[in-house]
Amino acid sequence: MHIKAIHHIAILTDDYEKSKAFYTDVLGFTVISEVYREQRNSYKLDLAINGLYQIELFSFPDYRERASFPEAKGLRHLAFLVDDVAASAAELKAKGVDVQDVRIDEWTGKKFVFFYDPNGQPLELYEQ
């Protein structure tokens, strides 16, 4: 097997419109496709990041809350690469997103910051 790249990351939401606005208007992802699947009573929204990777945003009526605190097994967070963490964090704050303080990775010396999407999914900005 030769894995070439990450194809997509799936995120489940309980408030589809709020999450769609967050990922498109706040984070700036572009919509690849959007479909309502009547048999599942569910939306599926495919989003692009610079045309390279996708996030699949799903709405399902039967969801479970994410177990995060204390730390839960499984996907811990999703990190996005940016040129300037401080400027990006300030932009998020200006858009009403609660952002933690910028920190420095003790191993790489790079800046990073955490914040959450409307579903409580931990997200990170990591400086290139």
Foldseek 3Di string as FASTA:
>chain_A
DDDDDAAEAEDEDQDVVQLVCCVCVQVNWDWPDWDQDVVQRKIWTWTDDVNPHTYIYMYGPDDDADDCVPHDPDDNAEEDEDADAVVSVVSNVVVVWDKDDWDADPVPRWIKTWTAGPRRGIYMYTHD
